[in-house]
Protein backbone atom coordinates (compact mmCIF):
# COMPACT_ATOMS: atom_id res chain seq x y z
CA MET A 1 -16.27 20.63 14.35
CA GLU A 2 -16.40 17.20 15.98
CA VAL A 3 -19.50 15.82 17.69
CA GLU A 4 -20.28 12.47 19.24
CA ILE A 5 -21.71 9.74 17.04
CA PRO A 6 -25.48 9.78 17.76
CA ILE A 7 -27.24 6.78 19.26
CA PRO A 8 -30.56 5.90 17.61
CA LYS A 9 -33.68 5.93 19.77
CA ASP A 10 -35.94 2.89 19.86
CA ASN A 11 -37.87 4.04 16.75
CA GLU A 12 -34.88 5.42 14.84
CA VAL A 13 -32.26 4.25 12.39
CA ARG A 14 -28.74 5.63 12.15
CA VAL A 15 -27.52 6.43 8.67
CA LYS A 16 -23.82 6.42 7.86
CA ILE A 17 -23.96 9.29 5.39
CA HIS A 18 -22.01 9.18 2.15
CA THR A 19 -23.55 12.10 0.25
CA ALA A 20 -25.65 15.15 1.09
CA THR A 21 -26.54 18.36 -0.72
CA VAL A 22 -26.23 22.09 -0.21
CA ASN A 23 -29.48 23.79 -1.16
CA ARG A 24 -31.41 27.04 -0.88
CA THR A 25 -32.91 25.99 2.46
CA ASP A 26 -29.47 25.44 3.98
CA CYS A 27 -28.30 28.83 2.74
CA GLY A 28 -31.42 30.58 4.00
CA LEU A 29 -31.13 29.04 7.48
CA ARG A 30 -27.44 29.80 7.74
CA ALA A 31 -28.07 33.44 6.89
CA ALA A 32 -31.42 33.62 8.77
CA HIS A 33 -33.05 34.92 5.60
CA PRO A 34 -35.78 36.00 5.64
CA PHE A 35 -35.50 37.30 9.19
CA ILE A 36 -38.86 35.81 10.18
CA THR A 37 -37.25 32.35 10.06
CA ARG A 38 -35.37 33.22 13.27
CA PHE A 39 -38.59 32.76 15.22
CA PHE A 40 -38.63 29.10 14.15
CA THR A 41 -34.94 28.24 13.83
CA GLY A 42 -33.44 30.26 16.70
CA LEU A 43 -33.77 33.95 17.49
CA PHE A 44 -30.16 34.62 18.51
CA LYS A 45 -28.40 31.48 17.32
CA PRO A 46 -29.51 28.48 15.26
CA LYS A 47 -31.18 25.59 17.07
CA ASN A 48 -29.66 23.17 14.58
CA THR A 49 -25.93 23.76 14.28
CA ILE A 50 -25.47 21.05 11.65
CA LEU A 51 -27.36 21.82 8.47
CA GLY A 52 -28.14 19.54 5.53
CA SER A 53 -31.58 18.17 4.75
CA GLU A 54 -30.97 15.63 1.93
CA PHE A 55 -28.93 12.51 2.51
CA SER A 56 -28.00 9.10 1.19
CA GLY A 57 -25.96 6.35 2.83
CA ASP A 58 -26.11 3.01 4.63
CA ILE A 59 -28.01 2.08 7.77
CA ASP A 60 -25.41 1.03 10.34
CA ALA A 61 -27.59 0.80 13.47
CA ILE A 62 -31.30 0.53 14.34
CA GLY A 63 -33.42 1.01 17.44
CA LYS A 64 -35.04 -2.01 19.06
CA ASP A 65 -38.53 -1.17 17.76
CA VAL A 66 -37.57 -0.60 14.11
CA LYS A 67 -39.32 -2.99 11.70
CA SER A 68 -39.01 -1.34 8.25
CA PHE A 69 -35.22 -1.31 7.83
CA THR A 70 -32.23 -3.53 8.51
CA VAL A 71 -28.56 -2.79 9.05
CA GLY A 72 -26.67 -2.51 5.77
CA GLU A 73 -29.55 -1.26 3.62
CA LYS A 74 -28.79 1.64 1.29
CA VAL A 75 -31.19 4.51 1.87
CA PHE A 76 -31.91 8.10 0.91
CA GLY A 77 -34.20 10.69 2.36
CA LEU A 78 -35.04 14.12 3.67
CA SER A 79 -34.52 15.59 7.14
CA GLU A 80 -36.30 18.94 6.86
CA SER A 81 -37.31 19.08 10.51
CA ASN A 82 -33.99 18.36 12.24
CA PHE A 83 -31.42 18.68 9.42
CA GLY A 84 -28.02 17.19 10.37
CA ALA A 85 -27.07 15.67 6.99
CA HIS A 86 -23.80 17.63 6.81
CA ALA A 87 -22.30 15.15 9.25
CA GLU A 88 -21.00 11.60 9.03
CA TYR A 89 -23.97 10.10 10.91
CA LEU A 90 -27.64 10.98 11.17
CA CYS A 91 -30.40 9.46 13.31
CA ILE A 92 -33.90 9.61 11.89
CA ALA A 93 -37.24 7.98 12.73
CA GLU A 94 -38.11 4.97 10.59
CA ASN A 95 -41.47 6.55 9.67
CA ALA A 96 -39.86 9.83 8.59
CA SER A 97 -38.95 10.75 4.99
CA ILE A 98 -36.54 7.88 4.39
CA SER A 99 -36.64 4.98 1.94
CA THR A 100 -34.45 2.35 0.36
CA LEU A 101 -32.81 3.47 -2.88
CA PRO A 102 -34.80 3.36 -6.12
CA GLU A 103 -33.58 0.48 -8.28
CA THR A 104 -32.87 2.86 -11.14
CA LEU A 105 -30.68 5.33 -9.22
CA THR A 106 -27.34 5.42 -7.47
CA ALA A 107 -26.99 6.82 -3.96
CA GLU A 108 -25.72 10.12 -5.37
CA ASN A 109 -28.44 10.47 -8.00
CA ALA A 110 -31.19 9.65 -5.53
CA LEU A 111 -30.35 12.79 -3.56
CA ALA A 112 -31.61 14.94 -6.41
CA ILE A 113 -35.17 13.58 -6.07
CA CYS A 114 -35.68 14.75 -2.49
CA GLU A 115 -36.05 18.44 -1.62
CA GLY A 116 -36.61 19.84 -5.11
CA PRO A 117 -39.55 17.50 -5.82
CA TRP A 118 -40.78 18.00 -2.24
CA TYR A 119 -41.16 21.76 -2.67
CA ALA A 120 -42.54 21.35 -6.20
CA TRP A 121 -45.11 18.71 -5.23
CA ASN A 122 -46.13 20.68 -2.13
CA ASN A 123 -47.53 23.28 -4.52
CA LEU A 124 -48.55 21.30 -7.57
CA LYS A 125 -50.66 18.75 -5.69
CA LYS A 126 -53.00 21.65 -4.85
CA ALA A 127 -53.53 22.44 -8.54
CA ASN A 128 -55.45 19.31 -9.61
CA LEU A 129 -53.12 18.67 -12.53
CA GLU A 130 -54.62 16.74 -15.45
CA PRO A 131 -54.24 16.46 -19.23
CA GLY A 132 -55.39 19.59 -21.04
CA LYS A 133 -54.28 22.03 -18.36
CA LYS A 134 -51.51 24.53 -19.02
CA ILE A 135 -48.78 25.55 -16.58
CA LEU A 136 -45.99 28.13 -16.72
CA ILE A 137 -42.94 27.39 -14.57
CA ASN A 138 -40.49 30.22 -13.93
CA GLY A 139 -37.02 28.92 -13.02
CA GLY A 140 -37.35 25.66 -14.91
CA SER A 141 -33.73 24.58 -14.59
CA GLY A 142 -33.36 24.86 -10.80
CA SER A 143 -33.83 21.90 -8.48
CA ILE A 144 -37.44 22.88 -7.73
CA GLY A 145 -38.31 24.00 -11.25
CA SER A 146 -36.78 20.98 -12.98
CA SER A 147 -38.72 18.74 -10.60
CA ALA A 148 -41.93 20.69 -11.23
CA ILE A 149 -41.55 20.20 -14.98
CA GLN A 150 -41.19 16.44 -14.61
CA ILE A 151 -44.07 16.09 -12.15
CA ALA A 152 -46.33 18.19 -14.37
CA ALA A 153 -45.31 16.12 -17.39
CA TYR A 154 -46.20 12.96 -15.48
CA PHE A 155 -49.77 14.27 -15.17
CA GLY A 156 -49.94 15.15 -18.88
CA VAL A 157 -49.95 18.93 -18.46
CA GLU A 158 -48.80 21.29 -21.23
CA ILE A 159 -45.72 23.04 -19.82
CA THR A 160 -44.09 26.37 -20.63
CA ALA A 161 -40.74 26.70 -18.83
CA VAL A 162 -38.75 29.89 -18.31
CA THR A 163 -34.98 29.52 -18.03
CA ASN A 164 -31.68 30.90 -19.31
CA THR A 165 -30.19 30.37 -22.76
CA LYS A 166 -27.91 27.46 -21.90
CA ASN A 167 -30.71 25.42 -20.32
CA LEU A 168 -33.39 25.69 -23.02
CA ASN A 169 -32.67 22.18 -24.28
CA LEU A 170 -32.54 20.84 -20.72
CA VAL A 171 -36.07 21.94 -19.83
CA LYS A 172 -37.40 20.58 -23.13
CA ASN A 173 -35.74 17.23 -22.47
CA LEU A 174 -37.34 17.17 -19.02
CA GLY A 175 -40.81 17.55 -20.52
CA ALA A 176 -41.46 21.23 -21.27
CA THR A 177 -43.55 21.81 -24.39
CA HIS A 178 -42.35 25.39 -24.75
CA ALA A 179 -39.18 27.05 -23.44
CA ILE A 180 -38.66 30.78 -22.92
CA ASP A 181 -35.25 32.42 -22.62
CA TYR A 182 -35.67 35.10 -19.94
CA SER A 183 -32.61 36.97 -21.23
CA SER A 184 -34.41 37.79 -24.47
CA GLU A 185 -38.11 37.63 -23.58
CA ASP A 186 -40.16 38.83 -20.62
CA PHE A 187 -42.55 35.97 -19.84
CA THR A 188 -44.92 38.30 -17.96
CA LYS A 189 -45.74 39.97 -21.29
CA LEU A 190 -46.88 36.76 -22.99
CA ASN A 191 -50.20 36.97 -24.78
CA ARG A 192 -51.25 33.59 -23.41
CA GLN A 193 -53.01 32.38 -20.29
CA PHE A 194 -52.40 29.42 -18.03
CA ASP A 195 -54.26 27.38 -15.45
CA VAL A 196 -51.22 27.55 -13.17
CA VAL A 197 -48.24 29.91 -12.86
CA PHE A 198 -45.52 28.50 -10.61
CA ASP A 199 -42.63 30.82 -9.75
CA ALA A 200 -40.11 28.21 -8.64
CA VAL A 201 -37.41 30.83 -7.94
CA GLY A 202 -39.55 33.57 -6.39
CA LYS A 203 -38.31 36.23 -8.81
CA SER A 204 -41.66 37.59 -9.96
CA SER A 205 -44.93 38.45 -8.22
CA TYR A 206 -48.62 37.69 -8.38
CA PHE A 207 -49.40 41.17 -9.70
CA ASN A 208 -46.89 40.79 -12.53
CA CYS A 209 -48.31 37.38 -13.42
CA LYS A 210 -52.02 37.95 -12.76
CA LYS A 211 -52.89 38.63 -16.39
CA LEU A 212 -51.28 35.30 -17.35
CA LEU A 213 -53.85 33.42 -15.30
CA LYS A 214 -57.09 32.08 -16.70
CA PRO A 215 -60.26 32.67 -14.66
CA ASN A 216 -59.92 30.34 -11.65
CA GLY A 217 -56.17 30.16 -12.34
CA ILE A 218 -53.69 29.60 -9.50
CA TYR A 219 -50.41 31.37 -8.72
CA PHE A 220 -47.72 29.69 -6.60
CA SER A 221 -44.33 30.97 -5.46
CA THR A 222 -41.53 29.39 -3.47
CA GLU A 223 -40.82 32.71 -1.74
CA LEU A 224 -42.81 35.02 0.52
CA GLY A 225 -42.82 37.70 -2.19
CA PRO A 226 -42.29 41.48 -1.92
CA PHE A 227 -43.20 42.68 1.58
CA MET A 228 -44.13 39.05 2.42
CA GLN A 229 -47.27 39.49 0.35
CA ASN A 230 -47.88 35.92 -0.84
CA PRO A 231 -49.30 34.49 2.43
CA LEU A 232 -51.49 37.59 2.76
CA LEU A 233 -52.61 37.35 -0.86
CA ALA A 234 -53.48 33.69 -0.28
CA LEU A 235 -55.96 34.84 2.39
CA TRP A 236 -57.29 37.76 0.34
CA THR A 237 -57.80 35.88 -2.93
CA SER A 238 -59.50 32.99 -1.14
CA ALA A 239 -62.35 35.38 -0.40
CA PHE A 240 -62.28 37.77 -3.35
CA GLY A 241 -61.99 37.24 -7.10
CA THR A 242 -61.57 34.10 -9.17
CA LYS A 243 -57.78 34.07 -9.57
CA LYS A 244 -56.07 32.60 -6.54
CA VAL A 245 -52.74 32.76 -4.76
CA LEU A 246 -51.99 29.56 -2.87
CA PHE A 247 -49.14 29.37 -0.37
CA PRO A 248 -49.24 25.86 1.13
CA ILE A 249 -46.81 25.16 3.97
CA PRO A 250 -44.68 22.09 3.13
CA VAL A 251 -45.09 19.12 5.45
CA ASP A 252 -42.33 16.53 5.76
CA LYS A 253 -44.08 13.18 5.19
CA ARG A 254 -42.68 9.82 4.18
CA GLU A 255 -45.40 9.37 1.56
CA ASN A 256 -43.75 12.11 -0.49
CA ILE A 257 -40.40 10.31 -0.67
CA LEU A 258 -42.15 7.07 -1.60
CA PHE A 259 -44.00 8.90 -4.40
CA PHE A 260 -40.76 10.36 -5.76
CA LYS A 261 -39.13 6.94 -5.58
CA GLU A 262 -42.02 5.50 -7.59
CA LEU A 263 -41.70 8.23 -10.22
CA ALA A 264 -37.95 7.63 -10.48
CA GLU A 265 -38.39 3.88 -10.89
CA LYS A 266 -40.92 4.51 -13.67
CA GLY A 267 -38.54 6.90 -15.42
CA PHE A 268 -40.64 10.02 -14.79
CA LEU A 269 -38.22 11.72 -12.38
CA ILE A 270 -34.65 12.14 -13.61
CA PRO A 271 -32.10 13.76 -11.27
CA VAL A 272 -30.51 17.02 -12.39
CA ILE A 273 -27.08 17.40 -10.75
CA ASP A 274 -24.94 20.48 -11.21
CA LYS A 275 -21.73 20.06 -9.19
CA VAL A 276 -20.14 17.78 -6.62
CA TYR A 277 -17.95 19.09 -3.77
CA PRO A 278 -15.96 17.19 -1.14
CA LEU A 279 -16.85 17.93 2.49
CA ASP A 280 -13.73 20.03 3.02
CA GLN A 281 -15.01 22.42 0.32
CA ILE A 282 -18.39 23.00 1.95
CA VAL A 283 -17.78 26.76 2.13
CA GLU A 284 -17.24 26.86 -1.63
CA ALA A 285 -20.41 24.80 -2.12
CA TYR A 286 -22.44 27.33 -0.12
CA LYS A 287 -20.95 30.22 -2.07
CA TYR A 288 -21.83 28.54 -5.34
CA VAL A 289 -25.45 27.93 -4.34
CA GLU A 290 -25.78 31.49 -3.02
CA SER A 291 -24.43 32.84 -6.32
CA GLU A 292 -27.60 31.52 -8.03
CA GLN A 293 -25.53 30.11 -10.87
CA LYS A 294 -26.51 26.54 -10.19
CA THR A 295 -28.67 24.22 -12.25
CA GLY A 296 -30.25 21.36 -10.34
CA SER A 297 -28.69 19.94 -7.18
CA VAL A 298 -25.26 20.59 -5.66
CA LEU A 299 -23.92 17.43 -4.00
CA LEU A 300 -21.64 17.26 -0.99
CA LYS A 301 -19.48 14.14 -0.59
CA ILE A 302 -19.35 13.41 3.15
CA ARG A 303 -17.07 10.38 2.70
CA ASP A 304 -15.45 8.60 -0.27
């Protein structure tokens, strides 16, 4: 599909995109899954016909009021509100989730510190992480889970990560104190308790994990849960009992990208990249992400 090259508004920059990603959000929007997303993204057809939320590239044009960026700067960022990164050009407001590249990362690597950390931090910042606390992260090798491990490690938390056999060493290298192979051990039957249980793949439930929580412990999930129970449980547990379900709605703010950039420059946030596809293999990239075989981010090369 060909579209016209967008013209930046007065407060926008135009990014000549070199690399994007294909992620769970893209797949969910394309399939309108869960169905409730149709009420926000288009009931009968998608409002945004070009997907892609993570991007890196060069600024090739700026609006007349832009002060933070100049033409030619290398940038990366997140376009969760309007998407559009699966195209050669993207216009985005200068105060949106966009920043110059971290000094320690290439344009491709920087992509892997956008959406995964964004979803992870959206939850973990509500948990008051500090040394001495214990967290269990289910799905520790995915883009969200691997980011959650590194962010939790930054705050000095003791981390137990659940993953598959081949990624046990990966999660330990990222900062996990303990690693559980889900193919040989059911983490919900552990005889231990945690301050936080974070289901970064949405494969379990609060009721399966409740006994793992300490009094005043918190359960997070990246999915709505069976019968969309997690938002309802967040309301219920806020009024009853000591163990809580929190389901914070992620907000796309530039301060998040700047925080992730800072972590990367300090060596606390290392990108985890699984595969790289050229743009003409975008269908294969979507199939791979939907197969749930991936570890970390799947990159999409928009141009060489």
